[in-house]
N, C-alpha and C. Protein backbone atom coordinates (compact mmCIF):
# COMPACT_ATOMS: atom_id res chain seq x y z
N MET A 1 -7.81 -4.70 -11.99
CA MET A 1 -6.45 -4.56 -11.35
C MET A 1 -6.45 -3.65 -10.14
N VAL A 2 -5.92 -4.03 -9.09
CA VAL A 2 -5.82 -3.25 -7.74
C VAL A 2 -4.36 -3.07 -7.45
N SER A 3 -3.77 -2.20 -7.07
CA SER A 3 -2.21 -2.23 -6.77
C SER A 3 -2.23 -1.31 -5.24
N THR A 4 -1.59 -2.06 -4.56
CA THR A 4 -1.64 -1.25 -3.20
C THR A 4 -0.12 -1.14 -2.99
N MET A 5 0.30 0.10 -2.91
CA MET A 5 1.70 0.21 -2.46
C MET A 5 2.05 0.34 -0.95
N THR A 6 2.60 -0.53 -0.48
CA THR A 6 2.50 -0.50 1.43
C THR A 6 4.31 -0.76 1.40
N PRO A 7 4.46 -0.58 2.81
CA PRO A 7 5.86 -1.08 3.09
C PRO A 7 5.87 -2.98 3.37
N SER A 8 7.03 -3.57 2.65
CA SER A 8 6.92 -4.81 2.64
C SER A 8 8.24 -5.16 3.07
N ASP A 9 8.45 -6.71 3.21
CA ASP A 9 9.83 -6.89 3.09
C ASP A 9 11.03 -6.48 2.47
N LYS A 10 10.70 -6.11 1.46
CA LYS A 10 11.89 -5.40 0.70
C LYS A 10 11.98 -3.88 0.92
N SER A 11 13.18 -3.69 1.21
CA SER A 11 13.57 -2.44 1.40
C SER A 11 14.20 -1.46 0.68
N MET A 12 14.48 -0.63 0.74
CA MET A 12 15.38 0.58 -0.27
C MET A 12 16.61 -0.38 -1.05
N THR A 13 16.99 -0.56 -1.96
CA THR A 13 18.03 -1.29 -2.43
C THR A 13 19.22 -0.06 -2.86
N ALA A 14 20.45 -1.09 -3.23
CA ALA A 14 21.46 -0.51 -3.00
C ALA A 14 21.62 0.32 -4.29
N GLY A 15 20.67 -0.26 -5.27
CA GLY A 15 20.33 0.44 -6.65
C GLY A 15 19.77 1.63 -6.56
N GLN A 16 18.88 1.59 -5.99
CA GLN A 16 18.01 2.93 -5.44
C GLN A 16 18.84 3.76 -4.85
N ILE A 17 19.64 3.66 -3.84
CA ILE A 17 20.44 4.96 -2.98
C ILE A 17 21.46 5.25 -4.22
N ASP A 18 22.03 4.23 -5.07
CA ASP A 18 22.92 4.90 -5.67
C ASP A 18 22.18 6.18 -6.73
N LYS A 19 20.98 5.65 -7.10
CA LYS A 19 20.38 6.44 -8.31
C LYS A 19 20.19 7.89 -7.51
N ALA A 20 19.38 7.72 -5.98
CA ALA A 20 19.19 9.01 -5.38
C ALA A 20 20.65 9.82 -5.37
N THR A 21 21.67 9.14 -5.11
CA THR A 21 23.10 10.05 -4.72
C THR A 21 23.37 10.34 -6.14
N ALA A 22 23.16 9.91 -7.32
CA ALA A 22 23.33 10.36 -8.53
C ALA A 22 22.75 11.59 -8.97
N ASN A 23 21.45 11.32 -8.62
CA ASN A 23 20.50 12.60 -8.91
C ASN A 23 20.81 13.77 -8.25
N TYR A 24 21.18 13.56 -6.86
CA TYR A 24 21.75 14.62 -6.15
C TYR A 24 22.95 15.37 -6.56
N ARG A 25 23.63 14.50 -6.99
CA ARG A 25 25.02 14.74 -7.36
C ARG A 25 25.02 15.64 -8.86
N ALA A 26 24.15 15.40 -9.62
CA ALA A 26 23.81 15.73 -10.75
C ALA A 26 23.13 17.39 -10.96
N MET A 27 22.28 17.38 -9.80
CA MET A 27 21.65 18.84 -9.43
C MET A 27 22.83 19.46 -8.99
N LEU A 28 23.52 19.25 -7.88
CA LEU A 28 24.76 19.96 -7.35
C LEU A 28 25.68 20.47 -8.48
N GLU A 29 25.79 19.31 -9.46
CA GLU A 29 26.60 19.96 -10.77
C GLU A 29 26.16 20.87 -11.60
N LYS A 30 24.93 20.40 -11.76
CA LYS A 30 24.75 21.52 -12.87
C LYS A 30 24.35 23.21 -12.15
N HIS A 31 24.31 22.84 -10.65
CA HIS A 31 24.16 24.27 -9.83
C HIS A 31 25.50 24.76 -9.64
N ALA A 32 26.39 24.40 -9.31
CA ALA A 32 27.87 24.66 -8.99
C ALA A 32 28.28 26.10 -9.36
N PRO A 33 28.09 26.42 -10.53
CA PRO A 33 28.33 27.57 -10.91
C PRO A 33 28.13 29.13 -10.43
N THR A 34 26.74 28.85 -9.87
CA THR A 34 25.92 29.72 -8.77
C THR A 34 26.30 29.86 -7.53
N PHE A 35 27.04 28.99 -7.06
CA PHE A 35 27.46 28.67 -5.63
C PHE A 35 28.71 29.53 -5.19
N GLU A 36 29.29 30.13 -4.34
CA GLU A 36 30.35 30.51 -3.92
C GLU A 36 30.78 29.59 -2.94
N ALA A 37 31.86 29.29 -3.14
CA ALA A 37 32.91 28.25 -2.41
C ALA A 37 32.73 28.11 -0.72
N THR A 38 33.20 29.57 -0.32
CA THR A 38 32.88 30.27 0.85
C THR A 38 31.75 29.41 1.55
N ALA A 39 30.51 30.00 0.93
CA ALA A 39 29.34 29.74 1.67
C ALA A 39 28.84 28.41 1.88
N VAL A 40 29.47 27.41 0.46
CA VAL A 40 28.95 26.00 0.28
C VAL A 40 29.64 25.47 1.67
N GLN A 41 31.07 25.79 1.97
CA GLN A 41 31.99 24.95 2.66
C GLN A 41 31.29 25.42 4.15
N THR A 42 30.59 26.50 4.58
CA THR A 42 30.02 26.69 5.71
C THR A 42 28.76 26.02 5.82
N VAL A 43 28.00 25.84 4.48
CA VAL A 43 26.78 24.88 4.81
C VAL A 43 27.39 23.81 5.20
N LEU A 44 28.20 23.29 4.79
CA LEU A 44 28.49 21.90 4.56
C LEU A 44 28.94 21.35 6.12
N GLY A 45 29.46 22.25 6.68
CA GLY A 45 30.17 22.24 7.74
C GLY A 45 28.76 22.02 9.14
N MET A 46 27.56 22.41 8.39
CA MET A 46 26.40 22.33 9.38
C MET A 46 25.93 21.21 9.61
N THR A 47 26.03 20.73 10.33
CA THR A 47 25.63 19.20 10.98
C THR A 47 24.10 18.82 10.92
N GLU A 48 23.08 19.62 10.96
CA GLU A 48 21.93 19.50 10.47
C GLU A 48 21.48 19.38 9.18
N LEU A 49 22.40 19.73 8.32
CA LEU A 49 21.86 19.55 6.96
C LEU A 49 21.88 18.32 6.51
N ALA A 50 22.36 17.05 6.54
CA ALA A 50 22.40 15.83 6.31
C ALA A 50 21.02 15.31 6.75
N GLY A 51 20.63 15.80 7.88
CA GLY A 51 19.22 15.20 8.29
C GLY A 51 18.15 15.97 7.90
N GLU A 52 18.33 17.26 7.56
CA GLU A 52 16.89 18.16 6.74
C GLU A 52 16.93 17.23 5.57
N MET A 53 17.92 17.14 4.79
CA MET A 53 17.87 16.49 3.57
C MET A 53 17.03 15.28 3.52
N PHE A 54 17.62 14.47 4.46
CA PHE A 54 16.93 13.23 4.66
C PHE A 54 15.61 13.29 4.93
N ASP A 55 15.23 14.19 6.16
CA ASP A 55 13.82 14.26 6.30
C ASP A 55 12.75 14.50 4.93
N HIS A 56 13.43 15.18 4.28
CA HIS A 56 12.87 15.72 3.25
C HIS A 56 12.37 14.41 2.17
N PHE A 57 13.35 13.79 1.82
CA PHE A 57 13.30 12.48 1.31
C PHE A 57 12.14 11.51 2.00
N ARG A 58 12.35 11.22 3.34
CA ARG A 58 11.59 10.46 3.85
C ARG A 58 10.12 10.91 3.92
N LYS A 59 9.54 12.04 3.69
CA LYS A 59 8.53 12.44 3.83
C LYS A 59 7.91 12.53 2.58
N ARG A 60 8.66 12.37 1.05
CA ARG A 60 8.13 12.24 -0.14
C ARG A 60 7.65 10.64 -0.23
N VAL A 61 9.05 9.76 0.21
CA VAL A 61 8.21 8.44 0.43
C VAL A 61 7.32 7.83 1.10
N GLU A 62 7.24 8.21 2.28
CA GLU A 62 6.26 7.91 3.03
C GLU A 62 4.95 8.25 2.62
N MET A 63 4.65 9.54 1.91
CA MET A 63 3.21 9.74 1.18
C MET A 63 3.25 8.82 0.05
N LEU A 64 3.99 8.26 -0.49
CA LEU A 64 3.73 7.55 -1.62
C LEU A 64 3.26 6.01 -0.96
N MET A 65 3.76 5.67 -0.17
CA MET A 65 4.04 4.29 0.51
C MET A 65 2.23 3.37 0.74
N ASN A 66 1.40 4.23 0.78
CA ASN A 66 -0.15 3.98 0.96
C ASN A 66 -0.94 4.27 -0.02
N ILE A 67 -0.52 4.00 -1.67
CA ILE A 67 -1.36 4.76 -2.33
C ILE A 67 -1.92 3.24 -3.29
N ILE A 68 -3.12 3.39 -3.54
CA ILE A 68 -4.11 2.51 -4.36
C ILE A 68 -3.95 2.78 -5.80
N SER A 69 -3.87 2.43 -6.73
CA SER A 69 -3.94 2.50 -8.23
C SER A 69 -4.86 1.32 -8.80
N ARG A 70 -5.64 2.14 -9.66
CA ARG A 70 -6.71 1.23 -10.57
C ARG A 70 -6.28 1.64 -12.13
N LEU A 71 -6.53 0.84 -12.95
CA LEU A 71 -6.30 0.74 -14.16
C LEU A 71 -7.52 0.69 -14.92
N VAL A 72 -8.25 1.48 -15.37
CA VAL A 72 -9.66 1.80 -15.98
C VAL A 72 -9.78 1.76 -17.35
N THR A 73 -10.62 1.19 -18.22
CA THR A 73 -11.00 1.74 -19.48
C THR A 73 -12.04 2.62 -19.37
N VAL A 74 -12.04 3.94 -20.16
CA VAL A 74 -12.97 4.79 -19.93
C VAL A 74 -13.68 5.17 -21.30
N ASP A 75 -14.87 5.43 -21.03
CA ASP A 75 -15.85 5.65 -21.97
C ASP A 75 -15.80 6.93 -22.12
N ARG A 76 -15.32 7.81 -22.88
CA ARG A 76 -15.71 9.55 -23.39
C ARG A 76 -16.28 9.60 -24.13
N THR A 77 -17.20 8.69 -24.86
CA THR A 77 -18.30 9.83 -25.68
C THR A 77 -19.55 10.04 -24.71
N ARG A 78 -19.47 9.41 -23.37
CA ARG A 78 -20.77 9.54 -22.45
C ARG A 78 -20.83 11.20 -22.23
N THR A 79 -21.96 11.48 -21.84
CA THR A 79 -22.34 12.73 -21.27
C THR A 79 -21.97 12.58 -19.87
N PRO A 80 -21.80 13.92 -19.47
CA PRO A 80 -21.43 14.11 -17.68
C PRO A 80 -22.53 13.06 -17.10
N GLN A 81 -23.78 13.37 -17.53
CA GLN A 81 -25.00 12.26 -16.66
C GLN A 81 -24.53 11.14 -16.96
N GLN A 82 -24.75 10.75 -17.96
CA GLN A 82 -24.50 9.18 -18.37
C GLN A 82 -23.53 8.62 -17.56
N VAL A 83 -22.39 9.24 -17.55
CA VAL A 83 -20.89 8.70 -16.71
C VAL A 83 -21.61 8.74 -15.07
N LEU A 84 -22.27 9.67 -14.80
CA LEU A 84 -22.74 9.34 -13.27
C LEU A 84 -23.98 8.53 -13.25
N ASP A 85 -24.85 8.17 -14.36
CA ASP A 85 -25.65 7.34 -14.33
C ASP A 85 -25.19 6.08 -14.11
N ALA A 86 -24.25 5.77 -15.07
CA ALA A 86 -23.64 4.26 -15.11
C ALA A 86 -22.65 3.60 -13.91
N THR A 87 -22.76 4.62 -12.74
CA THR A 87 -22.05 4.09 -11.73
C THR A 87 -23.16 3.47 -10.81
N GLY A 88 -24.67 3.69 -11.17
CA GLY A 88 -25.48 3.38 -10.54
C GLY A 88 -25.80 3.66 -8.88
N ARG A 89 -25.28 4.78 -8.69
CA ARG A 89 -25.46 5.24 -7.13
C ARG A 89 -26.38 6.50 -7.23
N LYS A 90 -26.91 6.44 -5.89
CA LYS A 90 -27.90 7.46 -5.47
C LYS A 90 -26.97 8.53 -5.78
N GLN A 91 -27.78 9.75 -6.87
CA GLN A 91 -26.83 11.11 -6.71
C GLN A 91 -27.59 12.12 -5.84
N TYR A 92 -26.77 13.21 -5.56
CA TYR A 92 -27.04 13.82 -4.88
C TYR A 92 -26.30 15.10 -6.04
N VAL A 93 -26.87 15.89 -6.96
CA VAL A 93 -26.20 16.22 -7.68
C VAL A 93 -26.97 17.62 -8.13
N ASP A 94 -26.07 18.67 -8.63
CA ASP A 94 -26.21 20.04 -9.23
C ASP A 94 -26.16 19.98 -10.88
N ARG A 95 -27.35 19.79 -11.56
CA ARG A 95 -27.01 19.64 -13.07
C ARG A 95 -25.89 20.82 -13.66
N ASP A 96 -26.10 22.09 -13.14
CA ASP A 96 -24.95 22.62 -13.59
C ASP A 96 -23.41 22.26 -13.32
N VAL A 97 -23.42 22.03 -12.22
CA VAL A 97 -22.01 21.12 -12.17
C VAL A 97 -21.67 20.17 -12.73
N VAL A 98 -22.40 19.40 -13.03
CA VAL A 98 -22.45 17.96 -13.63
C VAL A 98 -21.85 18.21 -15.38
N ASP A 99 -22.99 19.38 -15.51
CA ASP A 99 -22.32 19.78 -17.00
C ASP A 99 -21.11 20.30 -17.23
N THR A 100 -20.37 20.53 -16.14
CA THR A 100 -18.86 21.17 -15.96
C THR A 100 -17.92 20.19 -15.84
N MET A 101 -18.23 18.78 -15.67
CA MET A 101 -17.45 17.57 -15.27
C MET A 101 -16.69 17.95 -16.73
N PRO A 102 -15.19 17.37 -16.18
CA PRO A 102 -14.09 17.58 -17.63
C PRO A 102 -14.01 16.16 -17.70
N CYS A 103 -14.00 15.64 -19.21
CA CYS A 103 -13.99 14.39 -19.81
C CYS A 103 -12.76 13.75 -19.49
N GLY A 104 -11.58 14.59 -19.74
CA GLY A 104 -10.03 13.92 -19.55
C GLY A 104 -9.89 13.35 -21.01
N GLU A 105 -8.82 12.63 -21.23
CA GLU A 105 -8.16 11.82 -22.64
C GLU A 105 -8.03 10.81 -22.15
N GLY A 106 -8.00 9.73 -23.42
CA GLY A 106 -7.63 8.41 -23.49
C GLY A 106 -8.68 7.55 -23.33
N VAL A 107 -8.27 6.31 -23.85
CA VAL A 107 -9.06 5.04 -23.39
C VAL A 107 -8.91 4.65 -22.31
N GLU A 108 -7.21 4.56 -21.84
CA GLU A 108 -7.26 4.01 -20.53
C GLU A 108 -6.88 5.04 -19.42
N ALA A 109 -6.95 4.86 -18.10
CA ALA A 109 -6.50 5.83 -17.28
C ALA A 109 -6.13 4.90 -15.93
N GLU A 110 -4.53 5.43 -15.54
CA GLU A 110 -4.70 4.70 -14.33
C GLU A 110 -4.69 5.90 -13.28
N VAL A 111 -5.87 5.74 -12.06
CA VAL A 111 -6.24 6.20 -11.29
C VAL A 111 -5.72 6.25 -9.98
N PHE A 112 -4.89 6.96 -9.14
CA PHE A 112 -3.92 6.74 -7.90
C PHE A 112 -5.12 7.42 -6.78
N PHE A 113 -5.18 6.65 -5.84
CA PHE A 113 -5.86 7.06 -4.72
C PHE A 113 -5.07 7.07 -3.44
N PHE A 114 -5.17 8.53 -2.63
CA PHE A 114 -4.10 8.14 -1.31
C PHE A 114 -5.54 9.05 -0.12
N LYS A 115 -4.82 8.65 0.60
CA LYS A 115 -5.68 9.43 2.17
C LYS A 115 -4.75 10.50 2.43
N PRO A 116 -5.16 11.75 2.46
CA PRO A 116 -4.28 12.92 2.95
C PRO A 116 -4.02 12.93 4.61
N GLU A 117 -2.68 12.95 4.79
CA GLU A 117 -2.26 12.68 6.30
C GLU A 117 -3.10 13.77 7.29
N ALA A 118 -2.80 13.18 8.60
CA ALA A 118 -3.94 14.09 9.52
C ALA A 118 -3.39 15.56 9.64
N SER A 119 -1.87 15.91 9.51
CA SER A 119 -1.37 17.37 9.21
C SER A 119 -1.94 18.34 8.10
N GLU A 120 -2.57 17.47 7.18
CA GLU A 120 -3.13 18.29 6.09
C GLU A 120 -4.28 18.79 6.13
N TYR A 121 -4.80 18.24 6.89
CA TYR A 121 -6.59 18.96 7.43
C TYR A 121 -6.43 20.04 8.45
N THR A 122 -7.25 20.72 8.65
CA THR A 122 -7.58 21.84 9.52
C THR A 122 -7.79 21.01 10.65
N LYS A 123 -7.39 21.66 12.06
CA LYS A 123 -7.94 21.24 13.48
C LYS A 123 -9.44 20.75 13.13
N ALA A 124 -10.50 21.33 12.28
CA ALA A 124 -11.57 20.92 12.69
C ALA A 124 -11.94 19.71 11.73
N GLY A 125 -10.74 19.24 11.10
CA GLY A 125 -10.87 17.93 10.10
C GLY A 125 -11.49 18.53 8.65
N TRP A 126 -11.51 19.65 8.15
CA TRP A 126 -11.78 19.94 6.84
C TRP A 126 -10.45 20.08 6.02
N MET A 127 -10.41 20.28 4.76
CA MET A 127 -9.17 20.50 3.81
C MET A 127 -9.91 21.23 2.80
N SER A 128 -9.66 22.48 2.78
CA SER A 128 -9.85 23.52 1.65
C SER A 128 -9.82 22.81 0.27
N ASP A 129 -10.41 23.23 -0.95
CA ASP A 129 -9.91 22.82 -2.42
C ASP A 129 -8.27 23.17 -2.55
N ASN A 130 -7.99 23.96 -2.11
CA ASN A 130 -6.68 25.03 -2.47
C ASN A 130 -5.43 23.88 -1.92
N ASP A 131 -5.82 23.59 -0.65
CA ASP A 131 -5.39 22.91 0.47
C ASP A 131 -4.92 21.32 -0.53
N LEU A 132 -6.30 21.05 -0.67
CA LEU A 132 -6.12 19.44 -1.50
C LEU A 132 -4.98 19.61 -2.87
N GLU A 133 -5.00 20.51 -3.38
CA GLU A 133 -4.16 21.04 -4.51
C GLU A 133 -2.80 20.83 -4.12
N LYS A 134 -2.69 21.47 -3.15
CA LYS A 134 -1.46 21.45 -2.35
C LYS A 134 -0.62 19.72 -2.07
N ALA A 135 -1.91 19.11 -1.62
CA ALA A 135 -1.83 17.51 -1.03
C ALA A 135 -1.32 16.87 -2.55
N PHE A 136 -1.98 17.15 -3.61
CA PHE A 136 -1.87 16.63 -4.91
C PHE A 136 -0.44 16.88 -5.34
N ASP A 137 0.10 18.08 -5.58
CA ASP A 137 1.21 18.51 -5.87
C ASP A 137 2.46 17.71 -4.75
N ARG A 138 1.96 17.66 -3.54
CA ARG A 138 3.27 17.04 -2.75
C ARG A 138 3.62 15.86 -3.12
N ARG A 139 2.66 15.12 -3.39
CA ARG A 139 2.72 13.52 -3.96
C ARG A 139 3.13 13.57 -5.39
N GLY A 140 2.98 14.93 -6.15
CA GLY A 140 3.54 14.84 -7.74
C GLY A 140 2.28 14.05 -8.41
N PHE A 141 0.96 14.40 -8.00
CA PHE A 141 -0.07 13.99 -8.93
C PHE A 141 -0.86 15.09 -9.12
N LYS A 142 -2.01 14.87 -10.03
CA LYS A 142 -3.12 15.93 -10.46
C LYS A 142 -4.42 15.23 -10.12
N PRO A 143 -5.36 15.81 -9.77
CA PRO A 143 -6.51 15.30 -9.95
C PRO A 143 -6.91 14.49 -11.03
N ALA A 144 -7.51 13.27 -10.76
CA ALA A 144 -8.28 12.58 -11.52
C ALA A 144 -9.55 13.50 -12.57
N ASP A 145 -9.62 13.00 -13.70
CA ASP A 145 -10.75 13.59 -14.36
C ASP A 145 -12.02 13.01 -13.77
N ALA A 146 -13.17 13.67 -13.73
CA ALA A 146 -14.42 13.02 -13.00
C ALA A 146 -14.77 11.76 -14.19
N TYR A 147 -14.39 11.57 -15.04
CA TYR A 147 -14.64 10.55 -16.07
C TYR A 147 -13.85 8.86 -15.48
N SER A 148 -12.75 9.25 -15.19
CA SER A 148 -12.05 8.33 -14.71
C SER A 148 -12.22 7.85 -13.65
N LEU A 149 -12.52 8.72 -12.77
CA LEU A 149 -12.70 8.62 -11.23
C LEU A 149 -14.11 7.66 -11.22
N ALA A 150 -15.15 8.16 -12.02
CA ALA A 150 -16.63 7.53 -12.24
C ALA A 150 -16.17 6.19 -12.73
N ALA A 151 -15.24 5.86 -13.43
CA ALA A 151 -14.97 4.34 -14.40
C ALA A 151 -14.55 3.78 -13.08
N VAL A 152 -13.73 3.84 -12.37
CA VAL A 152 -13.18 3.20 -11.14
C VAL A 152 -14.40 2.46 -10.45
N ASN A 153 -15.41 3.40 -10.23
CA ASN A 153 -16.52 3.29 -9.37
C ASN A 153 -17.63 2.27 -9.91
N GLU A 154 -17.58 2.67 -11.46
CA GLU A 154 -18.40 1.84 -12.33
C GLU A 154 -17.84 0.11 -12.32
N ALA A 155 -16.68 0.40 -12.33
CA ALA A 155 -16.13 -1.12 -13.05
C ALA A 155 -16.15 -1.81 -11.30
N ASP A 156 -16.20 -1.29 -10.42
CA ASP A 156 -15.47 -1.92 -8.90
C ASP A 156 -16.70 -0.90 -7.77
N PRO A 157 -18.05 -1.21 -7.88
CA PRO A 157 -18.84 -0.71 -6.99
C PRO A 157 -18.64 -0.55 -5.72
N ALA A 158 -18.08 -1.53 -5.28
CA ALA A 158 -17.81 -1.78 -3.65
C ALA A 158 -16.61 -1.16 -3.17
N PHE A 159 -15.67 -0.49 -3.92
CA PHE A 159 -14.60 0.21 -3.64
C PHE A 159 -14.82 1.71 -3.22
N ALA A 160 -15.75 2.39 -3.14
CA ALA A 160 -15.87 3.50 -2.44
C ALA A 160 -16.76 3.13 -1.23
N ASP A 161 -17.02 1.68 -1.02
CA ASP A 161 -17.69 1.41 0.63
C ASP A 161 -16.29 1.38 1.46
N GLU A 162 -15.25 1.03 1.05
CA GLU A 162 -14.18 1.06 1.89
C GLU A 162 -12.92 2.38 1.56
N HIS A 163 -13.33 2.75 0.55
CA HIS A 163 -12.26 3.70 0.24
C HIS A 163 -13.14 5.06 -0.32
N PRO A 164 -14.10 5.71 0.47
CA PRO A 164 -14.63 7.04 -0.03
C PRO A 164 -13.67 7.76 -1.00
N ASN A 165 -13.85 8.14 -2.19
CA ASN A 165 -13.27 8.93 -3.09
C ASN A 165 -13.99 9.94 -3.60
N GLY A 166 -13.02 11.13 -4.00
CA GLY A 166 -13.41 12.14 -5.15
C GLY A 166 -12.43 12.77 -5.87
N THR A 167 -13.05 13.55 -6.59
CA THR A 167 -11.88 14.49 -7.53
C THR A 167 -12.53 16.31 -7.49
N HIS A 168 -11.71 16.86 -7.84
CA HIS A 168 -12.38 18.34 -8.06
C HIS A 168 -11.88 18.83 -9.37
N TRP A 169 -12.65 20.16 -9.63
CA TRP A 169 -12.18 20.82 -10.93
C TRP A 169 -12.74 22.22 -10.64
N LYS A 170 -12.24 23.11 -11.67
CA LYS A 170 -13.15 24.44 -11.42
C LYS A 170 -13.60 24.69 -12.68
N ASN A 171 -14.56 25.34 -12.88
CA ASN A 171 -15.82 25.42 -13.80
C ASN A 171 -15.16 26.54 -14.52
N ASP A 172 -15.66 27.09 -15.38
CA ASP A 172 -15.07 28.33 -16.43
C ASP A 172 -15.37 29.65 -15.68
N LYS A 173 -16.14 29.76 -14.49
CA LYS A 173 -16.03 30.82 -13.56
C LYS A 173 -15.00 30.70 -12.32
N GLY A 174 -14.08 29.69 -12.45
CA GLY A 174 -13.03 29.73 -11.52
C GLY A 174 -13.63 28.98 -10.48
N GLN A 175 -14.73 28.61 -10.03
CA GLN A 175 -15.27 28.03 -8.73
C GLN A 175 -15.23 26.51 -8.69
N TRP A 176 -14.70 26.01 -7.30
CA TRP A 176 -14.52 24.60 -7.45
C TRP A 176 -15.87 23.53 -7.47
N CYS A 177 -15.69 22.51 -8.13
CA CYS A 177 -16.73 21.76 -8.26
C CYS A 177 -15.99 20.55 -8.16
N PHE A 178 -17.13 19.23 -7.28
CA PHE A 178 -16.58 18.16 -7.37
C PHE A 178 -17.44 16.88 -7.35
N ALA A 179 -17.21 15.94 -7.59
CA ALA A 179 -17.81 14.34 -7.36
C ALA A 179 -17.20 13.77 -6.71
N THR A 180 -17.79 12.81 -5.69
CA THR A 180 -17.55 12.00 -4.54
C THR A 180 -18.32 10.75 -4.68
N PHE A 181 -17.63 9.75 -4.29
CA PHE A 181 -18.25 8.61 -4.04
C PHE A 181 -18.11 7.81 -3.03
N GLY A 182 -19.37 7.22 -2.15
CA GLY A 182 -18.98 6.67 -0.76
C GLY A 182 -20.25 5.82 -0.69
N ARG A 183 -20.39 5.61 0.66
CA ARG A 183 -21.85 4.92 0.91
C ARG A 183 -22.20 5.43 2.17
N TRP A 184 -23.41 5.56 2.37
CA TRP A 184 -23.75 6.05 3.55
C TRP A 184 -24.03 4.96 4.63
N PHE A 185 -24.19 5.25 6.00
CA PHE A 185 -24.24 4.16 6.74
C PHE A 185 -25.40 3.50 6.88
N ALA A 186 -26.79 3.80 6.17
CA ALA A 186 -27.31 3.05 5.90
C ALA A 186 -27.16 1.82 4.80
N GLY A 187 -26.06 1.94 3.98
CA GLY A 187 -25.53 1.17 3.11
C GLY A 187 -26.29 1.53 1.61
N VAL A 188 -26.56 2.92 1.55
CA VAL A 188 -26.80 3.65 0.13
C VAL A 188 -25.60 3.75 -0.41
N ARG A 189 -25.46 3.67 -1.43
CA ARG A 189 -23.78 3.95 -2.45
C ARG A 189 -24.44 5.07 -2.94
N LYS A 190 -23.72 6.25 -3.00
CA LYS A 190 -24.18 7.72 -3.43
C LYS A 190 -22.88 8.36 -4.33
């Protein structure tokens, strides 16, 4: 099953606007005792406030508009190496890293894929693991476990041809490790 969330003919509904307004109202009511009325009145008089609030809302929505999700069955009884072997890909691996792959939980997993925005990369086009964690956080996601990600690439070997993908985790020494799936220019799936 593939589901890509993209802009469509359907725009935000009146019900969604009501829900967003109700959520914001509930937050204000909850925290009202902590705010002094004179300061609140001053802030409400700031013409840029509504625009700033809306910009934050828009940014969150736009980050989620181009996301692909896959629901997969995951065999968590396999060893980490068996998981990678099942994808049928050419492997460039460090056995010590492979052995640290977290297997996750559950027979089924929904895996979400997103491409970070250009502004999330360095000027040189790179992203640190710590910055990648921030990109996940901004979207309300956590990295997929390597077993789930490999299951997506096992079930649909061509997926990574168009959508190179990966995940990362920390080993017991606190070092970042990763698994990625893609295709070389020569056509070799790696």
